[in-house]
N, C-alpha and C. Protein backbone atom coordinates (compact mmCIF):
# COMPACT_ATOMS: atom_id res chain seq x y z
N MET A 1 0.81 -1.20 0.00
CA MET A 1 0.00 0.00 0.00
C MET A 1 0.85 1.26 0.00
N PHE A 2 1.62 1.44 1.08
CA PHE A 2 2.43 2.64 1.20
C PHE A 2 3.90 2.28 1.05
N ASP A 3 4.63 3.19 0.51
CA ASP A 3 6.07 3.01 0.36
C ASP A 3 6.74 3.30 1.70
N LYS A 4 7.34 2.30 2.32
CA LYS A 4 7.99 2.48 3.62
C LYS A 4 9.16 3.45 3.53
N GLY A 5 9.76 3.57 2.36
CA GLY A 5 10.88 4.49 2.17
C GLY A 5 10.49 5.94 2.41
N ILE A 6 9.27 6.29 2.05
CA ILE A 6 8.79 7.66 2.25
C ILE A 6 8.69 7.96 3.74
N SER A 7 8.18 7.01 4.51
CA SER A 7 8.03 7.20 5.95
C SER A 7 9.39 7.37 6.61
N VAL A 8 10.35 6.54 6.25
CA VAL A 8 11.69 6.63 6.82
C VAL A 8 12.34 7.95 6.45
N THR A 9 12.21 8.34 5.19
CA THR A 9 12.77 9.61 4.73
C THR A 9 12.14 10.78 5.47
N SER A 10 10.83 10.75 5.65
CA SER A 10 10.14 11.82 6.36
C SER A 10 10.61 11.91 7.80
N ASN A 11 10.75 10.76 8.47
CA ASN A 11 11.22 10.75 9.86
C ASN A 11 12.63 11.29 9.98
N LEU A 12 13.51 10.92 9.05
CA LEU A 12 14.88 11.43 9.07
C LEU A 12 14.90 12.93 8.85
N TRP A 13 14.08 13.40 7.93
CA TRP A 13 14.00 14.82 7.64
C TRP A 13 13.52 15.60 8.87
N LEU A 14 12.49 15.07 9.55
CA LEU A 14 11.99 15.73 10.75
C LEU A 14 13.05 15.76 11.85
N LYS A 15 13.80 14.68 12.02
CA LYS A 15 14.89 14.66 13.01
C LYS A 15 15.94 15.70 12.66
N PHE A 16 16.29 15.78 11.38
CA PHE A 16 17.28 16.75 10.91
C PHE A 16 16.82 18.17 11.24
N ILE A 17 15.57 18.47 10.96
CA ILE A 17 15.03 19.80 11.23
C ILE A 17 15.05 20.06 12.74
N GLU A 18 14.67 19.06 13.53
CA GLU A 18 14.66 19.21 14.99
C GLU A 18 16.05 19.52 15.53
N ILE A 19 17.08 18.94 14.94
CA ILE A 19 18.44 19.15 15.41
C ILE A 19 18.93 20.56 15.08
N ILE A 20 18.68 21.05 13.86
CA ILE A 20 19.25 22.34 13.49
C ILE A 20 18.39 23.56 13.81
N ILE A 21 17.14 23.37 14.02
CA ILE A 21 16.26 24.51 14.23
C ILE A 21 16.03 24.72 15.72
N MET A 22 16.22 25.95 16.16
CA MET A 22 15.99 26.26 17.57
C MET A 22 14.68 27.02 17.74
N ASN A 23 14.03 26.75 18.79
CA ASN A 23 12.78 27.37 19.13
C ASN A 23 13.04 28.72 19.81
N ILE A 24 12.20 29.66 19.56
CA ILE A 24 12.35 30.99 20.17
C ILE A 24 12.31 30.90 21.70
N ILE A 25 11.49 30.01 22.23
CA ILE A 25 11.41 29.84 23.68
C ILE A 25 12.75 29.40 24.24
N ALA A 26 13.39 28.43 23.57
CA ALA A 26 14.69 27.94 24.03
C ALA A 26 15.73 29.04 23.99
N LYS A 27 15.68 29.89 22.97
CA LYS A 27 16.65 30.99 22.87
C LYS A 27 16.46 32.00 23.99
N GLU A 28 15.21 32.33 24.29
CA GLU A 28 14.96 33.30 25.36
C GLU A 28 15.33 32.71 26.72
N PHE A 29 15.05 31.43 26.93
CA PHE A 29 15.44 30.76 28.16
C PHE A 29 16.96 30.79 28.30
N ALA A 30 17.66 30.51 27.21
CA ALA A 30 19.12 30.53 27.22
C ALA A 30 19.65 31.91 27.60
N LYS A 31 19.08 32.93 27.01
CA LYS A 31 19.50 34.31 27.32
C LYS A 31 19.25 34.65 28.78
N ASN A 32 18.12 34.19 29.31
CA ASN A 32 17.78 34.49 30.70
C ASN A 32 18.71 33.79 31.68
N ILE A 33 19.08 32.55 31.38
CA ILE A 33 20.05 31.86 32.25
C ILE A 33 21.37 32.63 32.26
N LYS A 34 21.84 32.98 31.08
CA LYS A 34 23.12 33.68 30.98
C LYS A 34 23.08 35.01 31.72
N ASN A 35 22.00 35.76 31.52
CA ASN A 35 21.88 37.05 32.19
C ASN A 35 21.92 36.90 33.71
N GLN A 36 21.18 35.93 34.23
CA GLN A 36 21.17 35.71 35.68
C GLN A 36 22.55 35.26 36.18
N ARG A 37 23.19 34.38 35.44
CA ARG A 37 24.50 33.86 35.83
C ARG A 37 25.55 34.97 35.85
N VAL A 38 25.58 35.77 34.79
CA VAL A 38 26.55 36.86 34.68
C VAL A 38 26.28 37.91 35.76
N GLU A 39 25.02 38.23 35.97
CA GLU A 39 24.64 39.21 37.00
C GLU A 39 25.13 38.77 38.39
N LYS A 40 25.13 37.46 38.63
CA LYS A 40 25.56 36.93 39.92
C LYS A 40 27.07 36.66 39.97
N GLY A 41 27.75 36.83 38.84
CA GLY A 41 29.20 36.62 38.78
C GLY A 41 29.62 35.16 38.91
N ILE A 42 28.82 34.27 38.35
CA ILE A 42 29.11 32.83 38.44
C ILE A 42 29.54 32.32 37.07
N ALA A 43 30.64 31.58 37.03
CA ALA A 43 31.11 30.97 35.78
C ALA A 43 30.21 29.80 35.40
N GLN A 44 30.15 29.48 34.12
CA GLN A 44 29.34 28.36 33.64
C GLN A 44 29.70 27.06 34.36
N GLN A 45 30.99 26.79 34.45
CA GLN A 45 31.43 25.54 35.06
C GLN A 45 31.02 25.48 36.53
N LYS A 46 31.16 26.60 37.23
CA LYS A 46 30.78 26.64 38.65
C LYS A 46 29.28 26.40 38.80
N LEU A 47 28.47 27.01 37.93
CA LEU A 47 27.03 26.81 38.00
C LEU A 47 26.69 25.35 37.74
N SER A 48 27.36 24.74 36.77
CA SER A 48 27.14 23.31 36.49
C SER A 48 27.42 22.48 37.74
N LEU A 49 28.52 22.78 38.41
CA LEU A 49 28.88 22.05 39.63
C LEU A 49 27.87 22.28 40.75
N LEU A 50 27.43 23.54 40.92
CA LEU A 50 26.43 23.85 41.94
C LEU A 50 25.13 23.08 41.71
N CYS A 51 24.82 22.87 40.44
CA CYS A 51 23.58 22.17 40.08
C CYS A 51 23.75 20.65 40.05
N GLY A 52 25.00 20.20 40.04
CA GLY A 52 25.24 18.76 39.93
C GLY A 52 25.14 18.26 38.51
N PHE A 53 25.36 19.15 37.54
CA PHE A 53 25.28 18.80 36.13
C PHE A 53 26.67 18.57 35.56
N ASP A 54 26.73 17.99 34.37
CA ASP A 54 27.98 17.88 33.63
C ASP A 54 28.56 19.28 33.44
N LYS A 55 29.88 19.37 33.44
CA LYS A 55 30.53 20.69 33.41
C LYS A 55 30.20 21.53 32.18
N ASN A 56 29.78 20.90 31.09
CA ASN A 56 29.47 21.63 29.86
C ASN A 56 27.98 21.91 29.66
N TYR A 57 27.16 21.39 30.55
CA TYR A 57 25.71 21.45 30.35
C TYR A 57 25.18 22.88 30.32
N ILE A 58 25.62 23.72 31.24
CA ILE A 58 25.13 25.11 31.29
C ILE A 58 25.48 25.84 30.00
N GLY A 59 26.68 25.62 29.49
CA GLY A 59 27.07 26.24 28.22
C GLY A 59 26.15 25.81 27.08
N CYS A 60 25.81 24.53 27.07
CA CYS A 60 24.89 24.03 26.03
C CYS A 60 23.51 24.67 26.17
N LEU A 61 23.05 24.83 27.41
CA LEU A 61 21.76 25.49 27.62
C LEU A 61 21.81 26.96 27.18
N GLU A 62 22.91 27.63 27.50
CA GLU A 62 23.03 29.06 27.16
C GLU A 62 23.15 29.27 25.65
N ARG A 63 23.52 28.25 24.92
CA ARG A 63 23.56 28.34 23.46
C ARG A 63 22.31 27.72 22.84
N ALA A 64 21.36 27.35 23.69
CA ALA A 64 20.10 26.71 23.26
C ALA A 64 20.37 25.45 22.45
N GLN A 65 21.40 24.70 22.84
CA GLN A 65 21.76 23.47 22.15
C GLN A 65 21.22 22.23 22.85
N SER A 66 20.71 22.40 24.06
CA SER A 66 20.17 21.27 24.82
C SER A 66 18.78 21.61 25.31
N ARG A 67 17.99 20.59 25.45
CA ARG A 67 16.66 20.76 26.05
C ARG A 67 16.80 20.57 27.55
N VAL A 68 15.89 21.15 28.28
CA VAL A 68 15.97 21.09 29.73
C VAL A 68 14.65 20.59 30.30
N THR A 69 14.73 19.83 31.38
CA THR A 69 13.51 19.38 32.05
C THR A 69 13.07 20.44 33.05
N LEU A 70 11.83 20.35 33.44
CA LEU A 70 11.29 21.29 34.41
C LEU A 70 12.03 21.18 35.74
N GLU A 71 12.38 19.97 36.12
CA GLU A 71 13.12 19.76 37.37
C GLU A 71 14.46 20.50 37.33
N LYS A 72 15.14 20.45 36.20
CA LYS A 72 16.43 21.13 36.08
C LYS A 72 16.28 22.64 36.09
N VAL A 73 15.17 23.14 35.58
CA VAL A 73 14.93 24.59 35.64
C VAL A 73 14.87 25.03 37.10
N TYR A 74 14.21 24.25 37.93
CA TYR A 74 14.13 24.57 39.36
C TYR A 74 15.50 24.48 40.03
N ILE A 75 16.29 23.49 39.66
CA ILE A 75 17.63 23.34 40.22
C ILE A 75 18.50 24.54 39.85
N ILE A 76 18.42 24.96 38.60
CA ILE A 76 19.21 26.11 38.13
C ILE A 76 18.76 27.38 38.86
N ALA A 77 17.45 27.57 38.99
CA ALA A 77 16.94 28.76 39.69
C ALA A 77 17.43 28.78 41.13
N ALA A 78 17.42 27.64 41.80
CA ALA A 78 17.89 27.58 43.19
C ALA A 78 19.38 27.92 43.26
N ALA A 79 20.17 27.38 42.34
CA ALA A 79 21.61 27.65 42.34
C ALA A 79 21.91 29.12 42.05
N LEU A 80 21.06 29.75 41.24
CA LEU A 80 21.24 31.17 40.91
C LEU A 80 20.54 32.09 41.91
N ASP A 81 19.86 31.49 42.87
CA ASP A 81 19.12 32.26 43.87
C ASP A 81 18.16 33.24 43.20
N CYS A 82 17.39 32.71 42.25
CA CYS A 82 16.40 33.53 41.57
C CYS A 82 15.12 32.72 41.42
N SER A 83 14.10 33.36 40.96
CA SER A 83 12.83 32.69 40.72
C SER A 83 12.88 31.92 39.40
N VAL A 84 12.14 30.85 39.33
CA VAL A 84 12.00 30.13 38.06
C VAL A 84 11.47 31.09 37.00
N LEU A 85 10.60 32.00 37.40
CA LEU A 85 10.03 32.97 36.46
C LEU A 85 11.08 33.89 35.85
N ASP A 86 12.19 34.09 36.57
CA ASP A 86 13.27 34.90 36.03
C ASP A 86 13.97 34.20 34.87
N LEU A 87 13.87 32.89 34.82
CA LEU A 87 14.53 32.11 33.77
C LEU A 87 13.62 31.87 32.56
N LEU A 88 12.33 31.79 32.81
CA LEU A 88 11.40 31.50 31.72
C LEU A 88 11.15 32.74 30.88
N PRO A 89 10.89 32.55 29.58
CA PRO A 89 10.55 33.70 28.73
C PRO A 89 9.28 34.37 29.26
N LYS A 90 9.25 35.67 29.12
CA LYS A 90 8.08 36.42 29.58
C LYS A 90 6.90 36.09 28.68
N GLU A 91 5.79 35.79 29.32
CA GLU A 91 4.59 35.43 28.57
C GLU A 91 3.89 36.68 28.09
N ASN A 92 3.58 36.69 26.83
CA ASN A 92 2.86 37.79 26.21
C ASN A 92 1.81 37.14 25.31
N PRO A 93 0.54 37.26 25.65
CA PRO A 93 -0.50 36.59 24.86
C PRO A 93 -0.43 36.89 23.36
N ASN A 94 0.07 38.06 23.01
CA ASN A 94 0.17 38.42 21.60
C ASN A 94 1.35 37.72 20.91
N ARG A 95 2.29 37.18 21.71
CA ARG A 95 3.48 36.56 21.13
C ARG A 95 3.49 35.04 21.23
N ILE A 96 2.55 34.44 21.93
CA ILE A 96 2.59 33.00 22.17
C ILE A 96 2.68 32.22 20.87
N ALA A 97 1.87 32.55 19.90
CA ALA A 97 1.90 31.83 18.62
C ALA A 97 3.27 31.95 17.97
N ASN A 98 3.88 33.12 18.03
CA ASN A 98 5.20 33.30 17.43
C ASN A 98 6.29 32.58 18.23
N MET A 99 6.12 32.50 19.55
CA MET A 99 7.14 31.88 20.38
C MET A 99 7.27 30.38 20.12
N ILE A 100 6.17 29.74 19.76
CA ILE A 100 6.25 28.30 19.56
C ILE A 100 6.60 27.92 18.12
N LYS A 101 6.68 28.89 17.25
CA LYS A 101 7.11 28.62 15.88
C LYS A 101 8.61 28.34 15.88
N LEU A 102 9.03 27.53 14.95
CA LEU A 102 10.45 27.24 14.82
C LEU A 102 11.09 28.27 13.91
N ASP A 103 12.33 28.61 14.23
CA ASP A 103 13.10 29.52 13.39
C ASP A 103 13.39 28.83 12.06
N GLN A 104 13.62 29.63 11.06
CA GLN A 104 14.02 29.08 9.77
C GLN A 104 15.52 28.87 9.78
N PRO A 105 16.00 27.78 9.18
CA PRO A 105 17.45 27.56 9.16
C PRO A 105 18.15 28.67 8.40
N LYS A 106 19.34 29.03 8.87
CA LYS A 106 20.14 30.06 8.19
C LYS A 106 20.78 29.44 6.97
N SER A 107 20.72 30.17 5.86
CA SER A 107 21.33 29.62 4.64
C SER A 107 22.69 30.20 4.37
């Protein structure tokens, strides 16, 4: 009935897009972590250690290269002595639709 090759190709293409395309929410979260960290005078590696994360994890988050769990957001907020809300992108009902759209790959 269906060509299985099309399904495999589509899945690979979607994975490829997921890897290279960053979400606006992830970028704003990354910026907020960095701003809080720099404001507190904490190095990336030190923050990773305070959180119990791999030494490179905070850098990956600040570049929006890694996804984060809700539990880790709370751990980071506690280590930075800030509110979770300080790390999350500011909610704006007029921007929600745009925030969840994926960026277009740079050519």
